[in-house]
């Protein structure tokens, strides 16, 4: 009986000794899991991409899209790898050829923002990023410590965009980008000295405005009009409008801007058949002279004043109206 008891005791000791390494492995795995969760923390679900290009304004970025996880319209948060802290909130504007273009909507940390540079690897979190800003308080509850984009209207609101940047990239511009290009339509008309008949044509115009200082613009405009039937029914007259303007922006309600301007306008006229007598008679010569008089009246250079009205439609797009002594035009404009 004693031998059986000793044998059973020895077996139990062996079983216990064999189980020690297995128990150690299980304990180690549990510690590893806990450490992994602690390391990931609130940044779980992120992926890495590389900054390729930063615009001069500091609000437009080109990122790599090697993970193929960035799609047009995605709201994302940029996270600095060094301290796992959020940098800025942005929206993906376009994806192309393995890259993604994004626009920064809000800066969360000026120090991290300044650390951004070309070829820097950053973490990205898609969608809701509220977990990055939750902090514990004394009663163990959590509170959200980040500013939010409440609705689509905030995309038009310059006080929300980059509001936490402590002056970084802030200026007094009502329209932030440097350039506004536009296309418009109006009607050009004149009265012929030959028989007092009125000619009317569509004038299509194209303009490019550059903001060389806060709210100060210089703009060039080109317009073209083709008039049928002058000097004769079988001929055309081409009128080119060249205008240079200096403008200043005032902010108006309803996402609108009033931009008074002053400038110089010059018309150049091409009508090869006008002013050439059809015969040697005095009547033909008189008609030719009147045609020349009409063209000379059209070829003029004048000082012009007026106002441009811009009404924002969506981010980057405007309705545009030019109301001045030089033109009454309506069209569309794009900022970039």
Protein backbone atom coordinates (compact mmCIF):
# COMPACT_ATOMS: atom_id res chain seq x y z
CA UNK A 1 0.00 0.00 0.00
CA UNK A 2 2.85 2.39 0.80
CA UNK A 3 4.45 1.69 -2.59
CA UNK A 4 1.24 2.65 -4.34
CA UNK A 5 1.02 5.89 -2.35
CA UNK A 6 4.63 6.78 -3.13
CA UNK A 7 4.08 6.05 -6.78
CA UNK A 8 1.03 8.32 -6.91
CA UNK A 9 2.91 11.13 -5.14
CA UNK A 10 5.80 10.92 -7.60
CA UNK A 11 3.42 11.10 -10.55
CA UNK A 12 1.72 14.20 -9.14
CA UNK A 13 5.10 15.94 -8.69
CA UNK A 14 6.08 15.14 -12.29
CA UNK A 15 2.80 16.42 -13.59
CA UNK A 16 3.23 19.67 -11.64
CA UNK A 17 6.80 20.15 -12.91
CA UNK A 18 5.75 19.55 -16.52
CA UNK A 19 2.92 22.04 -16.22
CA UNK A 20 5.17 24.91 -15.06
CA UNK A 21 6.54 25.85 -18.52
CA UNK A 22 3.05 25.75 -20.03
CA UNK A 23 1.72 28.01 -17.27
CA UNK A 24 4.63 30.38 -17.86
CA UNK A 25 3.82 30.50 -21.58
CA UNK A 26 0.16 31.30 -20.90
CA UNK A 27 1.14 34.07 -18.46
CA UNK A 28 3.59 35.53 -20.93
CA UNK A 29 0.96 35.53 -23.71
CA UNK A 30 -1.51 37.35 -21.49
CA UNK A 31 1.08 39.99 -20.60
CA UNK A 32 1.95 40.42 -24.25
CA UNK A 33 -1.71 40.96 -25.13
CA UNK A 34 -2.13 43.52 -22.37
CA UNK A 35 1.03 45.35 -23.46
CA UNK A 36 -0.10 45.35 -27.09
CA UNK A 37 -3.45 46.90 -26.15
CA UNK A 38 -1.73 49.48 -24.01
CA UNK A 39 0.65 50.39 -26.84
CA UNK A 40 -2.11 50.73 -29.44
CA UNK A 41 -4.49 52.47 -27.06
CA UNK A 42 -6.72 55.06 -28.74
CA UNK A 43 -4.67 54.92 -31.95
CA UNK A 44 -5.91 51.43 -32.84
CA UNK A 45 -7.14 51.21 -36.40
CA UNK A 46 -4.56 53.60 -37.85
CA UNK A 47 -2.36 53.08 -40.87
CA UNK A 48 0.76 54.84 -42.15
CA UNK A 49 1.28 56.98 -45.24
CA UNK A 50 3.98 59.42 -46.40
CA UNK A 51 3.73 63.17 -46.96
CA UNK A 52 4.82 63.86 -50.54
CA UNK A 53 3.91 67.50 -51.19
CA UNK A 54 2.82 70.40 -48.95
CA UNK A 55 1.28 73.47 -50.63
CA UNK A 56 2.58 76.97 -49.96
CA UNK A 57 -0.53 77.77 -47.94
CA UNK A 58 0.10 74.70 -45.78
CA UNK A 59 -3.50 73.50 -46.13
CA UNK A 60 -3.24 71.20 -49.16
CA UNK A 61 -1.24 67.96 -48.97
CA UNK A 62 -0.41 65.13 -51.33
CA UNK A 63 -0.05 61.84 -49.43
CA UNK A 64 0.88 58.39 -50.58
CA UNK A 65 -2.02 55.93 -50.72
CA UNK A 66 -0.03 52.71 -50.56
CA UNK A 67 -2.62 51.05 -48.33
CA UNK A 68 -5.41 51.96 -50.77
CA UNK A 69 -7.54 53.02 -47.80
CA UNK A 70 -7.99 56.71 -48.67
CA UNK A 71 -11.04 57.48 -50.80
CA UNK A 72 -12.55 60.73 -52.03
CA UNK A 73 -14.74 62.31 -49.34
CA UNK A 74 -13.15 60.49 -46.38
CA UNK A 75 -12.66 62.53 -43.20
CA UNK A 76 -9.31 61.65 -41.65
CA UNK A 77 -7.09 62.63 -38.76
CA UNK A 78 -3.34 62.99 -39.17
CA UNK A 79 -1.32 61.58 -36.25
CA UNK A 80 2.36 62.19 -35.53
CA UNK A 81 4.24 58.92 -35.11
CA UNK A 82 6.69 60.33 -32.56
CA UNK A 83 4.16 60.97 -29.76
CA UNK A 84 1.03 59.33 -31.20
CA UNK A 85 -0.71 62.71 -30.96
CA UNK A 86 -3.29 64.13 -33.41
CA UNK A 87 -2.03 66.82 -35.76
CA UNK A 88 -5.02 67.96 -37.82
CA UNK A 89 -8.41 67.04 -39.22
CA UNK A 90 -8.64 66.82 -43.02
CA UNK A 91 -10.83 65.66 -45.89
CA UNK A 92 -9.70 63.63 -48.89
CA UNK A 93 -10.39 65.71 -52.01
CA UNK A 94 -9.06 63.37 -54.70
CA UNK A 95 -7.19 60.13 -55.24
CA UNK A 96 -5.08 59.37 -58.31
CA UNK A 97 -2.26 57.05 -59.30
CA UNK A 98 -1.49 55.78 -55.80
CA UNK A 99 -1.66 59.23 -54.20
CA UNK A 100 -4.31 61.20 -52.31
CA UNK A 101 -4.88 64.94 -52.18
CA UNK A 102 -6.23 66.21 -48.84
CA UNK A 103 -7.30 69.59 -47.44
CA UNK A 104 -6.70 70.47 -43.79
CA UNK A 105 -9.87 71.65 -42.05
CA UNK A 106 -8.65 72.10 -38.48
CA UNK A 107 -5.28 72.11 -36.70
CA UNK A 108 -5.24 70.36 -33.32
CA UNK A 109 -1.60 70.97 -32.33
CA UNK A 110 0.59 73.78 -33.60
CA UNK A 111 3.77 72.05 -32.43
CA UNK A 112 2.94 68.87 -34.33
CA UNK A 113 1.75 70.88 -37.35
CA UNK A 114 5.14 72.56 -37.59
CA UNK A 115 6.78 69.13 -37.56
CA UNK A 116 5.12 68.19 -40.86
CA UNK A 117 7.54 68.03 -43.77
CA UNK A 118 8.04 66.29 -47.08
CA UNK A 119 8.82 62.55 -46.90
CA UNK A 120 7.57 62.32 -43.29
CA UNK A 121 5.70 59.13 -42.38
CA UNK A 122 2.51 59.81 -40.42
CA UNK A 123 -0.33 57.73 -39.01
CA UNK A 124 -3.85 58.23 -40.31
CA UNK A 125 -7.16 57.44 -38.63
CA UNK A 126 -10.29 57.37 -40.80
CA UNK A 127 -13.74 58.46 -39.70
CA UNK A 128 -14.58 59.21 -36.10
CA UNK A 129 -11.55 60.31 -34.09
CA UNK A 130 -13.28 61.24 -30.83
CA UNK A 131 -11.39 58.48 -28.97
CA UNK A 132 -8.15 60.39 -29.55
CA UNK A 133 -9.40 63.28 -27.43
CA UNK A 134 -11.10 61.52 -24.52
CA UNK A 135 -9.50 62.03 -21.13
CA UNK A 136 -10.29 60.66 -17.68
CA UNK A 137 -11.61 62.93 -14.92
CA UNK A 138 -11.77 62.33 -11.17
CA UNK A 139 -15.05 60.42 -11.21
CA UNK A 140 -13.61 58.04 -13.84
CA UNK A 141 -15.97 59.45 -16.47
CA UNK A 142 -14.63 60.57 -19.85
CA UNK A 143 -14.99 63.88 -21.61
CA UNK A 144 -14.30 64.93 -25.18
CA UNK A 145 -11.67 67.65 -25.31
CA UNK A 146 -11.52 68.37 -29.03
CA UNK A 147 -13.27 71.00 -31.16
CA UNK A 148 -15.68 69.57 -33.70
CA UNK A 149 -16.94 70.25 -37.20
CA UNK A 150 -20.62 70.36 -36.41
CA UNK A 151 -22.07 70.37 -39.94
CA UNK A 152 -21.38 71.15 -43.59
CA UNK A 153 -21.73 74.88 -42.95
CA UNK A 154 -18.46 74.79 -40.99
CA UNK A 155 -16.65 74.03 -44.26
CA UNK A 156 -17.52 77.60 -45.31
CA UNK A 157 -16.68 79.13 -41.94
CA UNK A 158 -13.18 80.61 -41.79
CA UNK A 159 -13.36 80.87 -37.97
CA UNK A 160 -13.71 77.10 -37.67
CA UNK A 161 -11.08 76.15 -40.24
CA UNK A 162 -7.66 76.20 -38.55
CA UNK A 163 -9.18 77.91 -35.49
CA UNK A 164 -6.78 76.25 -33.06
CA UNK A 165 -3.58 77.12 -34.87
CA UNK A 166 -2.73 80.03 -32.52
CA UNK A 167 -2.03 82.33 -35.42
CA UNK A 168 -0.17 79.78 -37.54
CA UNK A 169 -1.17 80.27 -41.20
CA UNK A 170 -3.73 82.86 -40.15
CA UNK A 171 -4.08 86.10 -42.06
CA UNK A 172 -6.67 88.79 -42.70
CA UNK A 173 -7.74 87.43 -46.07
CA UNK A 174 -11.45 86.99 -46.66
CA UNK A 175 -10.66 84.71 -49.61
CA UNK A 176 -7.75 82.51 -48.57
CA UNK A 177 -6.23 81.23 -51.85
CA UNK A 178 -4.02 83.40 -54.05
CA UNK A 179 -5.82 82.81 -57.35
CA UNK A 180 -9.36 83.12 -58.70
CA UNK A 181 -10.11 82.28 -62.34
CA UNK A 182 -13.48 82.96 -63.93
CA UNK A 183 -15.52 82.78 -67.11
CA UNK A 184 -18.49 85.01 -67.89
CA UNK A 185 -20.95 86.26 -70.47
CA UNK A 186 -22.37 89.63 -71.40
CA UNK A 187 -23.61 91.45 -74.48
CA UNK A 188 -21.66 94.03 -76.46
CA UNK A 189 -23.45 96.49 -78.72
CA UNK A 190 -22.71 99.54 -80.83
CA UNK A 191 -24.47 101.79 -83.35
CA UNK A 192 -23.12 102.11 -86.89
CA UNK A 193 -22.49 105.64 -88.22
CA UNK A 194 -23.40 104.41 -91.69
CA UNK A 195 -27.16 104.02 -91.19
CA UNK A 196 -27.60 104.25 -87.39
CA UNK A 197 -28.36 100.53 -87.18
CA UNK A 198 -27.58 98.75 -83.92
CA UNK A 199 -25.36 95.66 -83.76
CA UNK A 200 -25.37 93.28 -80.78
CA UNK A 201 -23.07 90.33 -80.07
CA UNK A 202 -22.30 87.92 -77.25
CA UNK A 203 -19.07 88.70 -75.42
CA UNK A 204 -17.42 85.74 -73.68
CA UNK A 205 -14.82 86.80 -71.15
CA UNK A 206 -12.15 85.04 -69.12
CA UNK A 207 -10.33 86.53 -66.11
CA UNK A 208 -7.51 85.62 -63.76
CA UNK A 209 -7.12 87.44 -60.42
CA UNK A 210 -4.04 87.14 -58.20
CA UNK A 211 -4.08 88.17 -54.51
CA UNK A 212 -0.72 89.90 -54.07
CA UNK A 213 -1.50 91.12 -50.53
CA UNK A 214 -4.25 90.48 -48.00
CA UNK A 215 -7.51 91.28 -49.85
CA UNK A 216 -5.69 93.18 -52.65
CA UNK A 217 -5.96 91.70 -56.14
CA UNK A 218 -4.66 92.39 -59.59
CA UNK A 219 -6.81 90.95 -62.37
CA UNK A 220 -6.52 90.57 -66.12
CA UNK A 221 -9.62 90.06 -68.27
CA UNK A 222 -9.97 89.12 -71.92
CA UNK A 223 -13.26 89.28 -73.80
CA UNK A 224 -14.13 88.44 -77.41
CA UNK A 225 -17.13 89.45 -79.50
CA UNK A 226 -17.89 88.55 -83.11
CA UNK A 227 -20.40 90.83 -84.86
CA UNK A 228 -22.09 89.51 -88.00
CA UNK A 229 -23.27 91.93 -90.71
CA UNK A 230 -20.79 94.75 -90.28
CA UNK A 231 -19.67 96.42 -92.46
CA UNK A 232 -21.80 94.31 -94.80
CA UNK A 233 -24.13 91.35 -94.48
CA UNK A 234 -21.44 88.95 -95.73
CA UNK A 235 -18.67 90.17 -93.36
CA UNK A 236 -17.78 89.97 -89.68
CA UNK A 237 -16.10 92.28 -87.20
CA UNK A 238 -14.10 90.86 -84.27
CA UNK A 239 -13.80 92.97 -81.13
CA UNK A 240 -11.24 92.09 -78.43
CA UNK A 241 -11.55 93.46 -74.90
CA UNK A 242 -8.40 93.74 -72.75
CA UNK A 243 -8.86 94.95 -69.15
CA UNK A 244 -6.49 95.26 -66.18
CA UNK A 245 -7.94 95.92 -62.73
CA UNK A 246 -6.86 96.47 -59.14
CA UNK A 247 -9.41 95.19 -56.61
CA UNK A 248 -10.07 95.01 -52.87
CA UNK A 249 -12.25 92.46 -51.05
CA UNK A 250 -15.00 93.24 -48.55
CA UNK A 251 -16.87 90.41 -46.83
CA UNK A 252 -20.66 90.41 -47.17
CA UNK A 253 -23.45 88.25 -45.67
CA UNK A 254 -24.54 84.89 -47.10
CA UNK A 255 -20.99 83.75 -47.98
CA UNK A 256 -20.65 86.65 -50.43
CA UNK A 257 -17.92 89.18 -51.20
CA UNK A 258 -18.01 92.69 -52.67
CA UNK A 259 -14.83 93.55 -54.57
CA UNK A 260 -14.68 97.14 -55.89
CA UNK A 261 -12.17 97.74 -58.67
CA UNK A 262 -10.52 100.39 -60.79
CA UNK A 263 -8.61 99.73 -63.99
CA UNK A 264 -7.85 100.34 -67.64
CA UNK A 265 -9.82 98.89 -70.56
CA UNK A 266 -8.72 98.77 -74.20
CA UNK A 267 -10.71 97.55 -77.22
CA UNK A 268 -8.97 96.23 -80.30
CA UNK A 269 -11.11 95.82 -83.44
CA UNK A 270 -10.46 93.69 -86.51
CA UNK A 271 -12.67 94.38 -89.55
CA UNK A 272 -10.58 94.03 -92.74
CA UNK A 273 -13.43 94.89 -95.13
CA UNK A 274 -14.62 98.00 -93.32
CA UNK A 275 -13.52 101.42 -94.59
CA UNK A 276 -12.79 100.20 -98.13
CA UNK A 277 -14.90 101.95 -100.80
CA UNK A 278 -16.75 99.52 -103.04
CA UNK A 279 -16.37 101.99 -105.92
CA UNK A 280 -14.83 105.37 -106.78
CA UNK A 281 -18.08 107.27 -106.33
CA UNK A 282 -18.43 109.92 -103.67
CA UNK A 283 -21.29 108.00 -102.03
CA UNK A 284 -19.15 104.85 -101.68
CA UNK A 285 -16.29 106.88 -100.26
CA UNK A 286 -18.65 108.52 -97.77
CA UNK A 287 -19.94 105.11 -96.61
CA UNK A 288 -16.37 103.87 -96.22
CA UNK A 289 -15.48 106.94 -94.13
CA UNK A 290 -18.47 106.35 -91.85
CA UNK A 291 -17.40 102.76 -91.40
CA UNK A 292 -13.96 103.99 -90.38
CA UNK A 293 -15.54 106.48 -87.98
CA UNK A 294 -17.50 103.64 -86.37
CA UNK A 295 -14.37 101.52 -85.94
CA UNK A 296 -12.43 104.44 -84.48
CA UNK A 297 -15.15 104.91 -81.88
CA UNK A 298 -14.87 101.26 -80.93
CA UNK A 299 -11.07 101.39 -80.69
CA UNK A 300 -10.77 103.15 -77.37
CA UNK A 301 -8.89 102.97 -74.08
CA UNK A 302 -10.66 104.16 -70.95
CA UNK A 303 -10.42 104.29 -67.17
CA UNK A 304 -13.03 101.95 -65.69
CA UNK A 305 -14.57 101.45 -62.24
CA UNK A 306 -17.02 98.92 -60.89
CA UNK A 307 -17.59 96.10 -58.44
CA UNK A 308 -17.28 92.32 -58.63
CA UNK A 309 -19.74 90.29 -56.58
CA UNK A 310 -18.83 86.73 -55.59
CA UNK A 311 -21.37 84.36 -54.01
CA UNK A 312 -19.92 81.08 -52.75
CA UNK A 313 -21.73 77.97 -54.00
CA UNK A 314 -19.58 75.16 -52.56
CA UNK A 315 -15.99 75.22 -51.29
CA UNK A 316 -13.86 76.59 -54.12
CA UNK A 317 -16.72 77.66 -56.43
CA UNK A 318 -18.49 81.04 -56.81
CA UNK A 319 -21.18 82.73 -58.82
CA UNK A 320 -19.62 85.89 -60.22
CA UNK A 321 -21.06 89.20 -61.44
CA UNK A 322 -19.05 92.14 -62.81
CA UNK A 323 -20.98 95.41 -62.63
CA UNK A 324 -19.03 98.38 -63.94
CA UNK A 325 -18.51 101.01 -66.58
CA UNK A 326 -16.57 98.46 -68.59
CA UNK A 327 -18.84 95.41 -68.51
CA UNK A 328 -22.03 93.83 -67.13
CA UNK A 329 -21.08 90.18 -66.92
CA UNK A 330 -22.34 87.03 -65.18
CA UNK A 331 -20.54 83.71 -64.79
CA UNK A 332 -18.64 81.34 -62.51
CA UNK A 333 -15.30 81.48 -60.69
CA UNK A 334 -12.94 78.98 -59.04
CA UNK A 335 -10.40 79.66 -56.28
CA UNK A 336 -7.11 77.80 -55.92
